[in-house]
Amino acid sequence: MRNFILLLIFSWATTQANTRHFAMPMETSKWEVSTSHLVCQLTHRIPDYGFATVTQESAERPHFVMTYYQGISNSPSAKLITLPPEWRKPDYGQILAKLKLKPGHHPIYLKDRLTRHILDHLLAGDLIRFSYQSDLSHGVRVDLLPVNFHKAYAKYIACVGDLIDFGYRHVAKSTFYFEKNNYELNAKYKHQLDRVRRYVKEDPTIKKVFIAGYTDSRGRHSYNNAVSQKRAEVVKKYLLEHGVPAEKLKTTWYGSSKVDANKKKKENLAQNRRVEVLLLKDEIKFIK
């Protein structure tokens, strides 16, 4: 019996010796917050390993990403574990989830449900641990400390409350349809253009706002060209008057030269009488 106990102790000690533990020292542990009206982030740096980030983008669900500087080359199984503070023992914590890590520098990506669980446990004072076997045959433990979490979380939640209620996917491409020989903007279209100009104001990665006018295939070419120009310029004028810098606006018009062949039928003509507004993060992608 004595030999068996000694064997267990030796096995445990060997396992501990072959396990690499990454965590911020408790006395310097901190959570950093970055804020805007488009995205809020909570970041916890882990010395010699990388960092963990919780991200909440406007009109999207929160997610969690673990960044590992060295990266991993395989896909080991991992456990997401919570460990309670000393004063809550003998509460021994729990396994929140069993995960499959991804090769590369971002081995852990968690969707909103587990992200919210992590935030809740950190608020409760629990330590969050990711445990897995590395591709170098040693154990890895990565800890997220709850120390100094509450103050950062309060700033994060305040930021979430100030996010705009739409994201890039809601304004990346906007299409406005017009009645025949008409180029007036209705209230619905003005509302969408207000979202476009608000997003351009908030997102510095938007390089250009590309505006293109079109007509259907009926009428003279010169007349259609003039109508499509007027429609595009009406949209441009609205954006200019509402604060979008002129240097970010690129306007063109095509008349009936780019009519969709599938929309030439009478019942589909209205879909060609339009203006399209594209928010471009790369000027090289301009439509010629």
C-alpha atoms as a PDB file:
ATOM      1  CA  MET A   1       0.000   0.000   0.000  1.00  0.00           C
ATOM      2  CA  ARG A   2       2.826   2.326   0.936  1.00  0.00           C
ATOM      3  CA  ASN A   3       4.521   1.668  -2.407  1.00  0.00           C
ATOM      4  CA  PHE A   4       1.283   2.363  -4.262  1.00  0.00           C
ATOM      5  CA  ILE A   5       0.870   5.746  -2.536  1.00  0.00           C
ATOM      6  CA  LEU A   6       4.487   6.632  -3.298  1.00  0.00           C
ATOM      7  CA  LEU A   7       3.877   5.717  -6.936  1.00  0.00           C
ATOM      8  CA  LEU A   8       0.847   8.003  -7.096  1.00  0.00           C
ATOM      9  CA  ILE A   9       2.809  10.869  -5.552  1.00  0.00           C
ATOM     10  CA  PHE A  10       5.675  10.323  -8.004  1.00  0.00           C
ATOM     11  CA  SER A  11       3.259  10.206 -10.946  1.00  0.00           C
ATOM     12  CA  TRP A  12       1.578  13.436  -9.831  1.00  0.00           C
ATOM     13  CA  ALA A  13       4.947  15.181  -9.337  1.00  0.00           C
ATOM     14  CA  THR A  14       6.111  14.050 -12.773  1.00  0.00           C
ATOM     15  CA  THR A  15       2.922  15.375 -14.370  1.00  0.00           C
ATOM     16  CA  GLN A  16       3.329  18.724 -12.620  1.00  0.00           C
ATOM     17  CA  ALA A  17       6.971  18.948 -13.691  1.00  0.00           C
ATOM     18  CA  ASN A  18       5.947  18.345 -17.298  1.00  0.00           C
ATOM     19  CA  THR A  19       3.207  20.961 -17.226  1.00  0.00           C
ATOM     20  CA  ARG A  20       3.861  24.554 -18.250  1.00  0.00           C
ATOM     21  CA  HIS A  21       1.767  27.092 -16.426  1.00  0.00           C
ATOM     22  CA  PHE A  22       1.058  30.527 -17.932  1.00  0.00           C
ATOM     23  CA  ALA A  23      -0.599  33.268 -15.898  1.00  0.00           C
ATOM     24  CA  MET A  24      -0.224  36.930 -15.063  1.00  0.00           C
ATOM     25  CA  PRO A  25       1.260  37.383 -11.567  1.00  0.00           C
ATOM     26  CA  MET A  26      -1.557  38.212  -9.176  1.00  0.00           C
ATOM     27  CA  GLU A  27       0.069  41.452  -7.994  1.00  0.00           C
ATOM     28  CA  THR A  28       0.272  42.833 -11.559  1.00  0.00           C
ATOM     29  CA  SER A  29      -2.864  41.217 -13.003  1.00  0.00           C
ATOM     30  CA  LYS A  30      -5.041  43.589 -14.984  1.00  0.00           C
ATOM     31  CA  TRP A  31      -7.703  43.732 -17.681  1.00  0.00           C
ATOM     32  CA  GLU A  32      -7.484  46.369 -20.391  1.00  0.00           C
ATOM     33  CA  VAL A  33     -10.528  47.936 -22.061  1.00  0.00           C
ATOM     34  CA  SER A  34     -10.756  49.487 -25.523  1.00  0.00           C
ATOM     35  CA  THR A  35     -13.941  51.295 -26.536  1.00  0.00           C
ATOM     36  CA  SER A  36     -15.670  52.864 -29.505  1.00  0.00           C
ATOM     37  CA  HIS A  37     -19.205  53.082 -30.841  1.00  0.00           C
ATOM     38  CA  LEU A  38     -18.487  50.068 -33.067  1.00  0.00           C
ATOM     39  CA  VAL A  39     -16.603  47.620 -30.867  1.00  0.00           C
ATOM     40  CA  CYS A  40     -15.801  47.018 -27.178  1.00  0.00           C
ATOM     41  CA  GLN A  41     -12.955  44.775 -26.043  1.00  0.00           C
ATOM     42  CA  LEU A  42     -11.664  43.310 -22.794  1.00  0.00           C
ATOM     43  CA  THR A  43      -8.074  42.060 -22.968  1.00  0.00           C
ATOM     44  CA  HIS A  44      -6.036  40.054 -20.446  1.00  0.00           C
ATOM     45  CA  ARG A  45      -2.344  39.600 -21.215  1.00  0.00           C
ATOM     46  CA  ILE A  46      -0.629  36.340 -20.297  1.00  0.00           C
ATOM     47  CA  PRO A  47       3.175  36.604 -19.981  1.00  0.00           C
ATOM     48  CA  ASP A  48       5.182  34.316 -22.294  1.00  0.00           C
ATOM     49  CA  TYR A  49       1.983  33.029 -23.887  1.00  0.00           C
ATOM     50  CA  GLY A  50      -0.210  35.680 -25.486  1.00  0.00           C
ATOM     51  CA  PHE A  51      -3.498  37.293 -24.543  1.00  0.00           C
ATOM     52  CA  ALA A  52      -7.207  36.625 -24.193  1.00  0.00           C
ATOM     53  CA  THR A  53      -9.787  38.978 -25.685  1.00  0.00           C
ATOM     54  CA  VAL A  54     -13.542  39.335 -25.306  1.00  0.00           C
ATOM     55  CA  THR A  55     -15.030  41.303 -28.197  1.00  0.00           C
ATOM     56  CA  GLN A  56     -18.495  42.792 -28.605  1.00  0.00           C
ATOM     57  CA  GLU A  57     -19.151  44.408 -31.985  1.00  0.00           C
ATOM     58  CA  SER A  58     -22.199  46.526 -32.784  1.00  0.00           C
ATOM     59  CA  ALA A  59     -25.254  44.418 -33.673  1.00  0.00           C
ATOM     60  CA  GLU A  60     -23.285  41.180 -33.203  1.00  0.00           C
ATOM     61  CA  ARG A  61     -22.898  38.582 -30.467  1.00  0.00           C
ATOM     62  CA  PRO A  62     -19.854  38.621 -28.167  1.00  0.00           C
ATOM     63  CA  HIS A  63     -17.000  36.208 -28.729  1.00  0.00           C
ATOM     64  CA  PHE A  64     -13.773  35.146 -27.043  1.00  0.00           C
ATOM     65  CA  VAL A  65     -10.379  34.615 -28.695  1.00  0.00           C
ATOM     66  CA  MET A  66      -7.163  33.267 -27.180  1.00  0.00           C
ATOM     67  CA  THR A  67      -4.026  34.398 -28.997  1.00  0.00           C
ATOM     68  CA  TYR A  68      -0.859  32.305 -28.635  1.00  0.00           C
ATOM     69  CA  TYR A  69       2.296  34.035 -29.875  1.00  0.00           C
ATOM     70  CA  GLN A  70       4.085  30.830 -30.860  1.00  0.00           C
ATOM     71  CA  GLY A  71       1.018  29.126 -32.287  1.00  0.00           C
ATOM     72  CA  ILE A  72       0.237  25.421 -32.300  1.00  0.00           C
ATOM     73  CA  SER A  73       0.567  22.967 -35.183  1.00  0.00           C
ATOM     74  CA  ASN A  74      -1.940  20.332 -34.112  1.00  0.00           C
ATOM     75  CA  SER A  75      -5.504  20.231 -32.800  1.00  0.00           C
ATOM     76  CA  PRO A  76      -5.363  18.915 -29.236  1.00  0.00           C
ATOM     77  CA  SER A  77      -8.360  18.509 -26.973  1.00  0.00           C
ATOM     78  CA  ALA A  78      -8.650  21.039 -24.170  1.00  0.00           C
ATOM     79  CA  LYS A  79     -10.719  21.643 -21.067  1.00  0.00           C
ATOM     80  CA  LEU A  80     -12.229  24.965 -20.042  1.00  0.00           C
ATOM     81  CA  ILE A  81     -12.248  24.910 -16.247  1.00  0.00           C
ATOM     82  CA  THR A  82     -13.372  27.316 -13.530  1.00  0.00           C
ATOM     83  CA  LEU A  83     -11.631  27.371 -10.163  1.00  0.00           C
ATOM     84  CA  PRO A  84     -13.155  29.203  -7.185  1.00  0.00           C
ATOM     85  CA  PRO A  85     -11.306  31.610  -4.870  1.00  0.00           C
ATOM     86  CA  GLU A  86      -9.877  30.265  -1.617  1.00  0.00           C
ATOM     87  CA  TRP A  87     -12.771  31.522   0.517  1.00  0.00           C
ATOM     88  CA  ARG A  88     -15.283  29.465  -1.490  1.00  0.00           C
ATOM     89  CA  LYS A  89     -13.624  26.105  -0.978  1.00  0.00           C
ATOM     90  CA  PRO A  90     -14.546  23.221  -0.773  1.00  0.00           C
ATOM     91  CA  ASP A  91     -16.247  24.330  -4.000  1.00  0.00           C
ATOM     92  CA  TYR A  92     -13.846  22.623  -6.410  1.00  0.00           C
ATOM     93  CA  GLY A  93     -14.989  24.343  -9.556  1.00  0.00           C
ATOM     94  CA  GLN A  94     -16.220  22.732 -12.728  1.00  0.00           C
ATOM     95  CA  ILE A  95     -15.444  21.877 -16.318  1.00  0.00           C
ATOM     96  CA  LEU A  96     -17.357  24.397 -18.414  1.00  0.00           C
ATOM     97  CA  ALA A  97     -16.565  22.784 -21.745  1.00  0.00           C
ATOM     98  CA  LYS A  98     -14.364  20.366 -23.632  1.00  0.00           C
ATOM     99  CA  LEU A  99     -12.817  22.005 -26.669  1.00  0.00           C
ATOM    100  CA  LYS A 100     -10.863  21.161 -29.788  1.00  0.00           C
ATOM    101  CA  LEU A 101      -8.087  23.683 -30.382  1.00  0.00           C
ATOM    102  CA  LYS A 102      -7.328  25.023 -33.855  1.00  0.00           C
ATOM    103  CA  PRO A 103      -3.833  25.125 -35.393  1.00  0.00           C
ATOM    104  CA  GLY A 104      -2.286  28.572 -35.664  1.00  0.00           C
ATOM    105  CA  HIS A 105      -1.962  31.639 -33.473  1.00  0.00           C
ATOM    106  CA  HIS A 106      -5.632  31.716 -32.405  1.00  0.00           C
ATOM    107  CA  PRO A 107      -6.227  28.214 -31.068  1.00  0.00           C
ATOM    108  CA  ILE A 108      -9.354  29.087 -29.084  1.00  0.00           C
ATOM    109  CA  TYR A 109     -12.456  30.833 -30.440  1.00  0.00           C
ATOM    110  CA  LEU A 110     -15.621  30.734 -28.338  1.00  0.00           C
ATOM    111  CA  LYS A 111     -19.060  31.940 -29.347  1.00  0.00           C
ATOM    112  CA  ASP A 112     -21.430  33.973 -27.210  1.00  0.00           C
ATOM    113  CA  ARG A 113     -22.722  31.283 -24.811  1.00  0.00           C
ATOM    114  CA  LEU A 114     -19.314  30.243 -23.457  1.00  0.00           C
ATOM    115  CA  THR A 115     -18.075  33.829 -23.631  1.00  0.00           C
ATOM    116  CA  ARG A 116     -20.897  34.903 -21.324  1.00  0.00           C
ATOM    117  CA  HIS A 117     -20.124  32.000 -18.980  1.00  0.00           C
ATOM    118  CA  ILE A 118     -16.495  33.129 -18.750  1.00  0.00           C
ATOM    119  CA  LEU A 119     -17.535  36.699 -17.951  1.00  0.00           C
ATOM    120  CA  ASP A 120     -20.011  35.519 -15.304  1.00  0.00           C
ATOM    121  CA  HIS A 121     -17.413  33.346 -13.575  1.00  0.00           C
ATOM    122  CA  LEU A 122     -14.781  36.096 -13.607  1.00  0.00           C
ATOM    123  CA  LEU A 123     -17.348  38.428 -12.027  1.00  0.00           C
ATOM    124  CA  ALA A 124     -17.941  35.793  -9.342  1.00  0.00           C
ATOM    125  CA  GLY A 125     -14.215  35.764  -8.575  1.00  0.00           C
ATOM    126  CA  ASP A 126     -13.445  32.471 -10.309  1.00  0.00           C
ATOM    127  CA  LEU A 127     -10.199  31.754 -12.088  1.00  0.00           C
ATOM    128  CA  ILE A 128     -10.617  30.561 -15.695  1.00  0.00           C
ATOM    129  CA  ARG A 129      -8.227  27.826 -16.851  1.00  0.00           C
ATOM    130  CA  PHE A 130      -7.585  26.289 -20.265  1.00  0.00           C
ATOM    131  CA  SER A 131      -5.764  22.973 -19.978  1.00  0.00           C
ATOM    132  CA  TYR A 132      -4.377  20.906 -22.856  1.00  0.00           C
ATOM    133  CA  GLN A 133      -1.487  18.742 -24.048  1.00  0.00           C
ATOM    134  CA  SER A 134       0.905  20.583 -26.363  1.00  0.00           C
ATOM    135  CA  ASP A 135       2.359  19.210 -29.593  1.00  0.00           C
ATOM    136  CA  LEU A 136       5.672  18.961 -27.704  1.00  0.00           C
ATOM    137  CA  SER A 137       4.182  16.354 -25.338  1.00  0.00           C
ATOM    138  CA  HIS A 138       3.945  18.497 -22.250  1.00  0.00           C
ATOM    139  CA  GLY A 139       0.900  19.800 -20.467  1.00  0.00           C
ATOM    140  CA  VAL A 140      -0.189  23.434 -20.770  1.00  0.00           C
ATOM    141  CA  ARG A 141      -2.285  25.417 -18.327  1.00  0.00           C
ATOM    142  CA  VAL A 142      -3.333  28.955 -19.219  1.00  0.00           C
ATOM    143  CA  ASP A 143      -5.070  30.958 -16.488  1.00  0.00           C
ATOM    144  CA  LEU A 144      -7.214  34.084 -16.657  1.00  0.00           C
ATOM    145  CA  LEU A 145      -7.247  35.824 -13.283  1.00  0.00           C
ATOM    146  CA  PRO A 146     -10.296  37.635 -11.874  1.00  0.00           C
ATOM    147  CA  VAL A 147      -8.030  40.137 -10.077  1.00  0.00           C
ATOM    148  CA  ASN A 148      -8.987  43.728 -11.035  1.00  0.00           C
ATOM    149  CA  PHE A 149     -11.666  42.407 -13.381  1.00  0.00           C
ATOM    150  CA  HIS A 150     -14.713  44.225 -11.943  1.00  0.00           C
ATOM    151  CA  LYS A 151     -13.590  47.773 -12.729  1.00  0.00           C
ATOM    152  CA  ALA A 152     -12.604  46.883 -16.293  1.00  0.00           C
ATOM    153  CA  TYR A 153     -15.853  44.988 -16.804  1.00  0.00           C
ATOM    154  CA  ALA A 154     -17.877  48.024 -15.721  1.00  0.00           C
ATOM    155  CA  LYS A 155     -16.183  50.111 -18.438  1.00  0.00           C
ATOM    156  CA  TYR A 156     -16.744  47.326 -20.963  1.00  0.00           C
ATOM    157  CA  ILE A 157     -20.467  47.094 -20.181  1.00  0.00           C
ATOM    158  CA  ALA A 158     -20.817  50.883 -20.381  1.00  0.00           C
ATOM    159  CA  CYS A 159     -19.219  50.698 -23.834  1.00  0.00           C
ATOM    160  CA  VAL A 160     -21.596  47.913 -24.910  1.00  0.00           C
ATOM    161  CA  GLY A 161     -24.507  50.131 -23.911  1.00  0.00           C
ATOM    162  CA  ASP A 162     -23.217  52.888 -26.201  1.00  0.00           C
ATOM    163  CA  LEU A 163     -22.716  50.738 -29.306  1.00  0.00           C
ATOM    164  CA  ILE A 164     -24.675  51.778 -32.371  1.00  0.00           C
ATOM    165  CA  ASP A 165     -27.454  49.336 -33.234  1.00  0.00           C
ATOM    166  CA  PHE A 166     -26.094  48.272 -36.644  1.00  0.00           C
ATOM    167  CA  GLY A 167     -22.808  47.008 -38.038  1.00  0.00           C
ATOM    168  CA  TYR A 168     -20.791  47.043 -41.241  1.00  0.00           C
ATOM    169  CA  ARG A 169     -22.835  44.271 -42.826  1.00  0.00           C
ATOM    170  CA  HIS A 170     -25.935  46.492 -42.533  1.00  0.00           C
ATOM    171  CA  VAL A 171     -24.383  49.371 -44.487  1.00  0.00           C
ATOM    172  CA  ALA A 172     -21.646  47.799 -46.624  1.00  0.00           C
ATOM    173  CA  LYS A 173     -24.041  47.895 -49.583  1.00  0.00           C
ATOM    174  CA  SER A 174     -27.244  49.928 -49.729  1.00  0.00           C
ATOM    175  CA  THR A 175     -29.602  49.991 -52.709  1.00  0.00           C
ATOM    176  CA  PHE A 176     -32.223  52.692 -53.282  1.00  0.00           C
ATOM    177  CA  TYR A 177     -34.950  52.196 -55.904  1.00  0.00           C
ATOM    178  CA  PHE A 178     -36.753  54.980 -57.776  1.00  0.00           C
ATOM    179  CA  GLU A 179     -39.982  55.432 -59.690  1.00  0.00           C
ATOM    180  CA  LYS A 180     -39.722  56.179 -63.388  1.00  0.00           C
ATOM    181  CA  ASN A 181     -38.177  59.623 -64.075  1.00  0.00           C
ATOM    182  CA  ASN A 182     -37.881  60.173 -60.317  1.00  0.00           C
ATOM    183  CA  TYR A 183     -34.858  60.921 -58.145  1.00  0.00           C
ATOM    184  CA  GLU A 184     -36.319  61.923 -54.797  1.00  0.00           C
ATOM    185  CA  LEU A 185     -35.268  60.253 -51.527  1.00  0.00           C
ATOM    186  CA  ASN A 186     -38.053  59.033 -49.295  1.00  0.00           C
ATOM    187  CA  ALA A 187     -37.914  58.861 -45.474  1.00  0.00           C
ATOM    188  CA  LYS A 188     -36.858  55.207 -45.491  1.00  0.00           C
ATOM    189  CA  TYR A 189     -33.895  55.910 -47.747  1.00  0.00           C
ATOM    190  CA  LYS A 190     -32.851  58.943 -45.747  1.00  0.00           C
ATOM    191  CA  HIS A 191     -32.838  56.793 -42.629  1.00  0.00           C
ATOM    192  CA  GLN A 192     -30.507  54.292 -44.311  1.00  0.00           C
ATOM    193  CA  LEU A 193     -28.243  57.103 -45.533  1.00  0.00           C
ATOM    194  CA  ASP A 194     -28.122  58.412 -41.967  1.00  0.00           C
ATOM    195  CA  ARG A 195     -26.822  55.002 -40.913  1.00  0.00           C
ATOM    196  CA  VAL A 196     -24.260  55.110 -43.718  1.00  0.00           C
ATOM    197  CA  ARG A 197     -22.901  58.526 -42.717  1.00  0.00           C
ATOM    198  CA  ARG A 198     -22.864  57.531 -39.010  1.00  0.00           C
ATOM    199  CA  TYR A 199     -20.876  54.407 -39.788  1.00  0.00           C
ATOM    200  CA  VAL A 200     -18.397  56.288 -41.981  1.00  0.00           C
ATOM    201  CA  LYS A 201     -17.884  58.733 -39.114  1.00  0.00           C
ATOM    202  CA  GLU A 202     -17.203  55.955 -36.597  1.00  0.00           C
ATOM    203  CA  ASP A 203     -15.067  53.600 -38.716  1.00  0.00           C
ATOM    204  CA  PRO A 204     -11.717  55.052 -39.854  1.00  0.00           C
ATOM    205  CA  THR A 205     -11.079  51.987 -42.020  1.00  0.00           C
ATOM    206  CA  ILE A 206     -13.690  53.148 -44.543  1.00  0.00           C
ATOM    207  CA  LYS A 207     -11.598  54.606 -47.375  1.00  0.00           C
ATOM    208  CA  LYS A 208     -14.305  55.520 -49.861  1.00  0.00           C
ATOM    209  CA  VAL A 209     -18.063  55.721 -50.267  1.00  0.00           C
ATOM    210  CA  PHE A 210     -18.807  54.596 -53.827  1.00  0.00           C
ATOM    211  CA  ILE A 211     -22.103  55.879 -55.281  1.00  0.00           C
ATOM    212  CA  ALA A 212     -23.418  54.559 -58.602  1.00  0.00           C
ATOM    213  CA  GLY A 213     -26.617  55.546 -60.427  1.00  0.00           C
ATOM    214  CA  TYR A 214     -28.575  53.354 -62.870  1.00  0.00           C
ATOM    215  CA  THR A 215     -31.766  53.408 -64.945  1.00  0.00           C
ATOM    216  CA  ASP A 216     -33.854  50.794 -66.705  1.00  0.00           C
ATOM    217  CA  SER A 217     -33.539  50.108 -70.440  1.00  0.00           C
ATOM    218  CA  ARG A 218     -36.431  52.287 -71.621  1.00  0.00           C
ATOM    219  CA  GLY A 219     -35.796  55.720 -73.130  1.00  0.00           C
ATOM    220  CA  ARG A 220     -32.941  57.422 -74.952  1.00  0.00           C
ATOM    221  CA  HIS A 221     -29.391  56.714 -73.846  1.00  0.00           C
ATOM    222  CA  SER A 222     -28.590  60.394 -73.212  1.00  0.00           C
ATOM    223  CA  TYR A 223     -31.735  60.888 -71.131  1.00  0.00           C
ATOM    224  CA  ASN A 224     -31.111  57.772 -69.065  1.00  0.00           C
ATOM    225  CA  ASN A 225     -27.547  58.883 -68.469  1.00  0.00           C
ATOM    226  CA  ALA A 226     -28.736  62.245 -67.151  1.00  0.00           C
ATOM    227  CA  VAL A 227     -31.342  60.632 -64.880  1.00  0.00           C
ATOM    228  CA  SER A 228     -28.847  58.181 -63.392  1.00  0.00           C
ATOM    229  CA  GLN A 229     -26.424  61.071 -62.818  1.00  0.00           C
ATOM    230  CA  LYS A 230     -29.108  63.071 -61.034  1.00  0.00           C
ATOM    231  CA  ARG A 231     -30.000  60.112 -58.790  1.00  0.00           C
ATOM    232  CA  ALA A 232     -26.364  59.537 -57.830  1.00  0.00           C
ATOM    233  CA  GLU A 233     -25.806  63.235 -57.143  1.00  0.00           C
ATOM    234  CA  VAL A 234     -28.910  63.469 -54.953  1.00  0.00           C
ATOM    235  CA  VAL A 235     -27.483  60.726 -52.747  1.00  0.00           C
ATOM    236  CA  LYS A 236     -24.053  62.372 -52.739  1.00  0.00           C
ATOM    237  CA  LYS A 237     -25.580  65.743 -51.796  1.00  0.00           C
ATOM    238  CA  TYR A 238     -27.438  64.200 -48.853  1.00  0.00           C
ATOM    239  CA  LEU A 239     -24.282  62.556 -47.506  1.00  0.00           C
ATOM    240  CA  LEU A 240     -22.254  65.755 -47.951  1.00  0.00           C
ATOM    241  CA  GLU A 241     -24.868  67.830 -46.144  1.00  0.00           C
ATOM    242  CA  HIS A 242     -24.856  65.345 -43.277  1.00  0.00           C
ATOM    243  CA  GLY A 243     -21.146  65.331 -42.618  1.00  0.00           C
ATOM    244  CA  VAL A 244     -19.469  62.787 -44.899  1.00  0.00           C
ATOM    245  CA  PRO A 245     -16.173  64.332 -46.130  1.00  0.00           C
ATOM    246  CA  ALA A 246     -16.136  65.111 -49.851  1.00  0.00           C
ATOM    247  CA  GLU A 247     -12.800  63.346 -50.304  1.00  0.00           C
ATOM    248  CA  LYS A 248     -14.395  60.062 -49.247  1.00  0.00           C
ATOM    249  CA  LEU A 249     -17.150  60.236 -51.854  1.00  0.00           C
ATOM    250  CA  LYS A 250     -16.726  58.704 -55.307  1.00  0.00           C
ATOM    251  CA  THR A 251     -19.708  59.157 -57.634  1.00  0.00           C
ATOM    252  CA  THR A 252     -20.434  57.668 -61.051  1.00  0.00           C
ATOM    253  CA  TRP A 253     -23.460  56.831 -63.196  1.00  0.00           C
ATOM    254  CA  TYR A 254     -24.173  54.301 -65.924  1.00  0.00           C
ATOM    255  CA  GLY A 255     -27.558  55.184 -67.348  1.00  0.00           C
ATOM    256  CA  SER A 256     -28.964  52.027 -68.931  1.00  0.00           C
ATOM    257  CA  SER A 257     -25.566  50.646 -69.944  1.00  0.00           C
ATOM    258  CA  LYS A 258     -25.486  48.135 -67.086  1.00  0.00           C
ATOM    259  CA  VAL A 259     -29.040  46.848 -67.070  1.00  0.00           C
ATOM    260  CA  ASP A 260     -29.344  43.408 -65.515  1.00  0.00           C
ATOM    261  CA  ALA A 261     -30.382  41.046 -68.292  1.00  0.00           C
ATOM    262  CA  ASN A 262     -32.577  39.160 -65.827  1.00  0.00           C
ATOM    263  CA  LYS A 263     -34.514  42.324 -64.990  1.00  0.00           C
ATOM    264  CA  LYS A 264     -35.606  43.519 -68.439  1.00  0.00           C
ATOM    265  CA  LYS A 265     -39.130  42.212 -68.076  1.00  0.00           C
ATOM    266  CA  LYS A 266     -41.723  44.875 -67.335  1.00  0.00           C
ATOM    267  CA  GLU A 267     -42.339  43.647 -63.799  1.00  0.00           C
ATOM    268  CA  ASN A 268     -38.601  43.815 -63.047  1.00  0.00           C
ATOM    269  CA  LEU A 269     -37.743  47.180 -64.603  1.00  0.00           C
ATOM    270  CA  ALA A 270     -37.977  48.994 -61.266  1.00  0.00           C
ATOM    271  CA  GLN A 271     -35.050  46.977 -59.925  1.00  0.00           C
ATOM    272  CA  ASN A 272     -32.794  48.663 -62.482  1.00  0.00           C
ATOM    273  CA  ARG A 273     -33.867  52.186 -61.499  1.00  0.00           C
ATOM    274  CA  ARG A 274     -31.566  52.427 -58.555  1.00  0.00           C
ATOM    275  CA  VAL A 275     -28.565  53.915 -56.776  1.00  0.00           C
ATOM    276  CA  GLU A 276     -26.073  51.655 -55.047  1.00  0.00           C
ATOM    277  CA  VAL A 277     -23.882  52.893 -52.196  1.00  0.00           C
ATOM    278  CA  LEU A 278     -20.842  50.806 -51.243  1.00  0.00           C
ATOM    279  CA  LEU A 279     -18.583  51.378 -48.240  1.00  0.00           C
ATOM    280  CA  LEU A 280     -15.088  50.375 -49.284  1.00  0.00           C
ATOM    281  CA  LYS A 281     -12.246  49.552 -46.945  1.00  0.00           C
ATOM    282  CA  ASP A 282      -9.858  49.098 -49.878  1.00  0.00           C
ATOM    283  CA  GLU A 283      -9.735  51.742 -52.611  1.00  0.00           C
ATOM    284  CA  ILE A 284      -8.357  49.176 -55.088  1.00  0.00           C
ATOM    285  CA  LYS A 285     -11.784  47.538 -55.181  1.00  0.00           C
ATOM    286  CA  PHE A 286     -13.399  50.431 -57.025  1.00  0.00           C
ATOM    287  CA  ILE A 287     -15.901  49.427 -59.665  1.00  0.00           C
ATOM    288  CA  LYS A 288     -14.726  50.728 -63.045  1.00  0.00           C
END
